[in-house]
Amino acid sequence: MTKWGKDFNTALKMAQEMGYAEADPSSDVDGEDAAFKLSILAFIAFGVQVSPQDIPREGITRISDKDIQYAAQLGYTIKLLATAKKYNGKLDIHVHPALVHNNHPLAAVNDEFNALFIKGDAIGEFMMYGKGAGTLPTGSAVMGDIMDIAAAMPNAFSNRLNRLNGFDETSEKLQINGEGSGEYYIRLEVADRPGVLGKISTVLGNYGVSIASVVQHGRGENVVPLILITHRVERNLLNQALEEIRKFDVVDEIASILRVESFSG
């Protein structure tokens, strides 16, 4: 959608023809496949078992070409991310489409390629990159897994892996969160009247939501897009503010809410 400027349905059909998406693409576009991968990665990285079904997820079916264009104007690319972050005894884990700044290496991951981005206290920032779809890459990965399982079976692999990752009663107590706090991109369709932005800003401020940037498109039309990017805020507070804003007669719809991934913290 980003590279060729195609709408969702056209881009999905192209991906299926190239063998990058299944005949039934729901697992890919709904974020289910990413949740399974994230479940495995969370176990390897943090020693906790989180069922893929318990990971909050949002797919890409609601991403529009408008959001892609507006994100590009702001210097971002929209990517589907599966993220797990450990802090203060909590694991923030979820699958979501997000705005990634164009100067970050994840913004350049396209087509059938996947990437794994790691940030740690000792290692700093580290990224692995390679093909994640297609007949040969998938077949190679499956055969590699089968060979690993066959080699590990006599060696009590699961117990050994648990010890390597510190998977014990202590690590199981790590609190699992969904989406906690973050920066957000919000696209509203609003009436083109004086005072609309001020009214919306007041409600956001009442809930502690600070606006980092504002872009308004269109002039002389009845309804125009209003783009907001927030500073870091608790998602539940943002949701409460938007519920109040949604009731305004000058707000036609809240068309899109996307996380802006800063990779900090």
Protein backbone atom coordinates (compact mmCIF):
# COMPACT_ATOMS: atom_id res chain seq x y z
CA MET A 1 0.00 0.00 0.00
CA THR A 2 2.83 2.40 0.85
CA LYS A 3 5.30 1.49 -1.88
CA TRP A 4 2.89 1.37 -4.82
CA GLY A 5 0.06 3.59 -3.55
CA LYS A 6 -2.50 0.79 -3.79
CA ASP A 7 -5.65 0.48 -1.71
CA PHE A 8 -5.95 -2.37 0.79
CA ASN A 9 -7.86 -4.84 -1.41
CA THR A 10 -5.62 -4.33 -4.44
CA ALA A 11 -2.44 -4.66 -2.38
CA LEU A 12 -3.76 -7.82 -0.69
CA LYS A 13 -4.55 -9.42 -4.05
CA MET A 14 -1.03 -8.62 -5.27
CA ALA A 15 0.46 -10.16 -2.10
CA GLN A 16 -1.56 -13.34 -2.62
CA GLU A 17 -0.48 -13.60 -6.27
CA MET A 18 3.17 -13.27 -5.19
CA GLY A 19 2.77 -15.95 -2.51
CA TYR A 20 3.29 -13.53 0.39
CA ALA A 21 -0.26 -13.93 1.75
CA GLU A 22 -2.38 -17.07 2.12
CA ALA A 23 -5.55 -17.75 0.11
CA ASP A 24 -7.32 -17.03 3.42
CA PRO A 25 -5.29 -13.97 4.51
CA SER A 26 -7.10 -13.34 7.81
CA SER A 27 -4.20 -14.57 9.98
CA ASP A 28 -1.85 -12.11 8.28
CA VAL A 29 -4.05 -9.02 8.02
CA ASP A 30 -5.71 -9.46 11.43
CA GLY A 31 -2.36 -9.73 13.23
CA GLU A 32 -2.90 -13.34 14.37
CA ASP A 33 0.30 -14.63 12.77
CA ALA A 34 2.26 -11.80 14.39
CA ALA A 35 0.71 -12.68 17.79
CA PHE A 36 1.94 -16.28 17.50
CA LYS A 37 5.45 -15.04 16.70
CA LEU A 38 5.31 -12.59 19.58
CA SER A 39 4.24 -15.34 21.99
CA ILE A 40 7.37 -17.32 21.09
CA LEU A 41 9.64 -14.28 21.30
CA ALA A 42 8.25 -13.24 24.69
CA PHE A 43 9.09 -16.69 26.06
CA ILE A 44 12.64 -16.62 24.66
CA ALA A 45 13.33 -13.03 25.73
CA PHE A 46 11.54 -12.77 29.07
CA GLY A 47 10.81 -16.36 30.13
CA VAL A 48 7.05 -15.88 30.30
CA GLN A 49 4.37 -17.88 28.56
CA VAL A 50 1.65 -15.73 27.02
CA SER A 51 -0.95 -17.45 24.87
CA PRO A 52 -1.30 -15.83 21.42
CA GLN A 53 -5.04 -15.57 22.07
CA ASP A 54 -4.33 -13.45 25.17
CA ILE A 55 -2.20 -10.91 23.31
CA PRO A 56 -4.21 -7.76 22.42
CA ARG A 57 -4.00 -7.27 18.70
CA GLU A 58 -5.20 -5.01 15.94
CA GLY A 59 -4.63 -5.79 12.28
CA ILE A 60 -4.24 -3.61 9.21
CA THR A 61 -7.69 -3.93 7.65
CA ARG A 62 -8.69 -0.43 8.78
CA ILE A 63 -5.56 1.30 7.45
CA SER A 64 -6.53 3.65 4.63
CA ASP A 65 -4.51 5.24 1.88
CA LYS A 66 -5.30 8.59 3.53
CA ASP A 67 -3.54 7.56 6.74
CA ILE A 68 -0.52 6.37 4.75
CA GLN A 69 -0.35 9.71 2.90
CA TYR A 70 -0.74 11.81 6.05
CA ALA A 71 1.85 9.74 7.90
CA ALA A 72 4.29 10.23 5.02
CA GLN A 73 3.76 14.01 5.14
CA LEU A 74 4.68 13.90 8.84
CA GLY A 75 7.82 11.83 8.14
CA TYR A 76 6.46 8.41 9.14
CA THR A 77 5.71 5.02 7.60
CA ILE A 78 2.92 2.77 8.90
CA LYS A 79 4.06 -0.75 9.84
CA LEU A 80 2.42 -3.70 11.60
CA LEU A 81 4.43 -4.26 14.80
CA ALA A 82 4.42 -7.01 17.40
CA THR A 83 5.99 -5.49 20.51
CA ALA A 84 6.99 -6.68 23.97
CA LYS A 85 8.57 -4.30 26.48
CA LYS A 86 9.52 -5.12 30.06
CA TYR A 87 9.60 -2.34 32.65
CA ASN A 88 8.81 -1.96 36.35
CA GLY A 89 7.85 -5.61 36.74
CA LYS A 90 5.37 -5.43 33.86
CA LEU A 91 5.36 -6.76 30.31
CA ASP A 92 3.64 -4.47 27.81
CA ILE A 93 2.76 -6.80 24.92
CA HIS A 94 0.53 -6.24 21.90
CA VAL A 95 0.24 -6.35 18.08
CA HIS A 96 -0.72 -3.11 16.34
CA PRO A 97 -0.14 -0.98 13.24
CA ALA A 98 2.02 2.00 14.16
CA LEU A 99 3.72 5.05 12.73
CA VAL A 100 7.48 4.44 12.52
CA HIS A 101 9.71 7.43 11.80
CA ASN A 102 11.39 7.24 8.41
CA ASN A 103 14.86 7.46 9.94
CA HIS A 104 14.32 4.17 11.83
CA PRO A 105 15.51 0.97 10.07
CA LEU A 106 12.13 -0.74 10.58
CA ALA A 107 10.55 1.84 8.25
CA ALA A 108 12.55 0.36 5.37
CA VAL A 109 11.28 -3.23 5.83
CA ASN A 110 9.09 -3.98 2.81
CA ASP A 111 7.57 -6.73 0.64
CA GLU A 112 8.16 -10.27 1.99
CA PHE A 113 10.83 -9.19 4.46
CA ASN A 114 10.47 -9.28 8.24
CA ALA A 115 12.66 -7.74 10.90
CA LEU A 116 13.32 -8.31 14.58
CA PHE A 117 14.39 -5.18 16.45
CA ILE A 118 15.90 -5.62 19.93
CA LYS A 119 16.81 -2.99 22.50
CA GLY A 120 18.58 -4.06 25.68
CA ASP A 121 20.56 -2.54 28.53
CA ALA A 122 23.83 -4.19 27.48
CA ILE A 123 23.39 -4.83 23.77
CA GLY A 124 21.87 -1.47 22.90
CA GLU A 125 19.93 -1.57 19.62
CA PHE A 126 20.18 -4.59 17.31
CA MET A 127 18.13 -5.68 14.28
CA MET A 128 17.86 -8.94 12.33
CA TYR A 129 16.35 -8.82 8.85
CA GLY A 130 15.36 -11.42 6.26
CA LYS A 131 12.62 -12.96 4.15
CA GLY A 132 9.55 -14.01 6.12
CA ALA A 133 7.26 -15.19 3.33
CA GLY A 134 7.37 -17.12 0.08
CA THR A 135 7.63 -20.83 -0.71
CA LEU A 136 11.37 -21.34 -0.26
CA PRO A 137 11.90 -19.20 2.89
CA THR A 138 8.86 -20.82 4.58
CA GLY A 139 9.94 -24.34 3.60
CA SER A 140 13.46 -23.70 4.84
CA ALA A 141 12.18 -22.40 8.20
CA VAL A 142 9.85 -25.39 8.68
CA MET A 143 12.62 -27.89 7.94
CA GLY A 144 14.96 -26.03 10.28
CA ASP A 145 12.38 -26.27 13.08
CA ILE A 146 11.87 -29.99 12.48
CA MET A 147 15.62 -30.62 12.64
CA ASP A 148 15.94 -28.58 15.85
CA ILE A 149 13.11 -30.51 17.50
CA ALA A 150 14.55 -33.87 16.43
CA ALA A 151 17.98 -32.93 17.81
CA ALA A 152 16.57 -31.58 21.07
CA MET A 153 14.15 -34.35 22.01
CA PRO A 154 16.72 -36.62 23.73
CA ASN A 155 18.15 -33.71 25.70
CA ALA A 156 15.09 -32.54 27.64
CA PHE A 157 15.13 -29.38 25.54
CA SER A 158 12.20 -27.65 27.21
CA ASN A 159 13.72 -27.89 30.69
CA ARG A 160 17.06 -26.65 29.41
CA LEU A 161 15.44 -23.71 27.64
CA ASN A 162 13.47 -22.80 30.74
CA ARG A 163 16.67 -22.67 32.79
CA LEU A 164 18.46 -20.58 30.16
CA ASN A 165 15.70 -17.98 30.23
CA GLY A 166 15.09 -17.99 33.97
CA PHE A 167 11.57 -19.33 33.57
CA ASP A 168 10.57 -20.06 37.17
CA GLU A 169 7.90 -19.04 39.63
CA THR A 170 9.39 -15.56 39.91
CA SER A 171 9.29 -14.82 36.19
CA GLU A 172 5.73 -16.15 35.95
CA LYS A 173 4.67 -13.34 38.29
CA LEU A 174 5.63 -10.71 35.73
CA GLN A 175 2.44 -8.70 35.23
CA ILE A 176 1.13 -8.87 31.67
CA ASN A 177 -0.29 -5.63 30.28
CA GLY A 178 -1.89 -4.79 26.99
CA GLU A 179 -1.25 -1.37 25.52
CA GLY A 180 -0.20 0.96 28.33
CA SER A 181 1.09 4.41 27.44
CA GLY A 182 2.44 5.83 24.21
CA GLU A 183 2.30 8.58 21.63
CA TYR A 184 -0.63 8.49 19.20
CA TYR A 185 -1.69 9.63 15.74
CA ILE A 186 -5.37 10.57 15.60
CA ARG A 187 -7.31 11.47 12.45
CA LEU A 188 -10.66 13.16 12.97
CA GLU A 189 -13.12 14.29 10.34
CA VAL A 190 -14.48 17.60 11.64
CA ALA A 191 -16.62 20.53 10.55
CA ASP A 192 -14.58 23.33 8.99
CA ARG A 193 -15.60 26.00 11.52
CA PRO A 194 -13.70 28.40 13.79
CA GLY A 195 -13.11 27.12 17.32
CA VAL A 196 -13.28 23.38 16.55
CA LEU A 197 -9.61 22.75 17.33
CA GLY A 198 -9.86 24.76 20.55
CA LYS A 199 -12.88 22.76 21.71
CA ILE A 200 -11.12 19.45 21.03
CA SER A 201 -7.87 20.63 22.63
CA THR A 202 -9.70 21.64 25.81
CA VAL A 203 -11.17 18.16 26.28
CA LEU A 204 -7.84 16.49 25.59
CA GLY A 205 -6.18 18.79 28.13
CA ASN A 206 -8.80 17.91 30.74
CA TYR A 207 -7.66 14.28 30.49
CA GLY A 208 -3.97 15.12 30.53
CA VAL A 209 -3.46 14.55 26.80
CA SER A 210 -0.81 16.92 25.41
CA ILE A 211 -0.70 17.62 21.67
CA ALA A 212 2.72 17.43 20.00
CA SER A 213 1.65 18.53 16.50
CA VAL A 214 -1.47 19.42 14.51
CA VAL A 215 -2.13 19.32 10.77
CA GLN A 216 -5.42 20.38 9.18
CA HIS A 217 -6.17 19.74 5.53
CA GLY A 218 -8.79 21.29 3.28
CA ARG A 219 -10.45 24.66 3.16
CA GLY A 220 -13.99 25.63 2.21
CA GLU A 221 -15.33 22.07 2.61
CA ASN A 222 -18.04 21.04 5.04
CA VAL A 223 -15.90 18.31 6.64
CA VAL A 224 -12.08 18.30 6.73
CA PRO A 225 -9.46 15.99 8.22
CA LEU A 226 -7.77 17.08 11.44
CA ILE A 227 -4.54 15.22 12.27
CA LEU A 228 -3.20 15.20 15.83
CA ILE A 229 -0.07 13.61 17.25
CA THR A 230 0.07 13.41 21.02
CA HIS A 231 2.87 13.29 23.54
CA ARG A 232 3.06 10.13 25.67
CA VAL A 233 -0.22 9.41 27.41
CA GLU A 234 -1.99 6.49 29.08
CA ARG A 235 -4.22 4.84 26.47
CA ASN A 236 -7.19 4.60 28.83
CA LEU A 237 -7.10 8.38 29.40
CA LEU A 238 -6.93 8.99 25.65
CA ASN A 239 -9.91 6.68 25.12
CA GLN A 240 -11.95 8.58 27.71
CA ALA A 241 -11.14 11.91 26.07
CA LEU A 242 -12.03 10.64 22.61
CA GLU A 243 -15.35 9.24 23.86
CA GLU A 244 -16.29 12.75 24.97
CA ILE A 245 -15.02 14.31 21.73
CA ARG A 246 -16.95 11.77 19.66
CA LYS A 247 -20.21 13.27 20.94
CA PHE A 248 -19.51 16.78 19.57
CA ASP A 249 -21.76 17.80 16.71
CA VAL A 250 -18.71 19.29 14.94
CA VAL A 251 -16.99 15.87 14.87
CA ASP A 252 -18.17 13.72 11.98
CA GLU A 253 -16.03 10.73 13.00
CA ILE A 254 -12.83 9.65 14.71
CA ALA A 255 -11.47 7.93 11.62
CA SER A 256 -8.18 6.52 12.89
CA ILE A 257 -6.15 6.02 16.07
CA LEU A 258 -2.62 4.66 15.56
CA ARG A 259 0.32 4.36 17.90
CA VAL A 260 3.45 6.39 17.11
CA GLU A 261 6.33 4.09 18.01
CA SER A 262 9.27 6.00 19.46
CA PHE A 263 11.35 2.95 20.58
CA SER A 264 12.40 4.87 23.67
CA GLY A 265 12.29 3.48 27.19
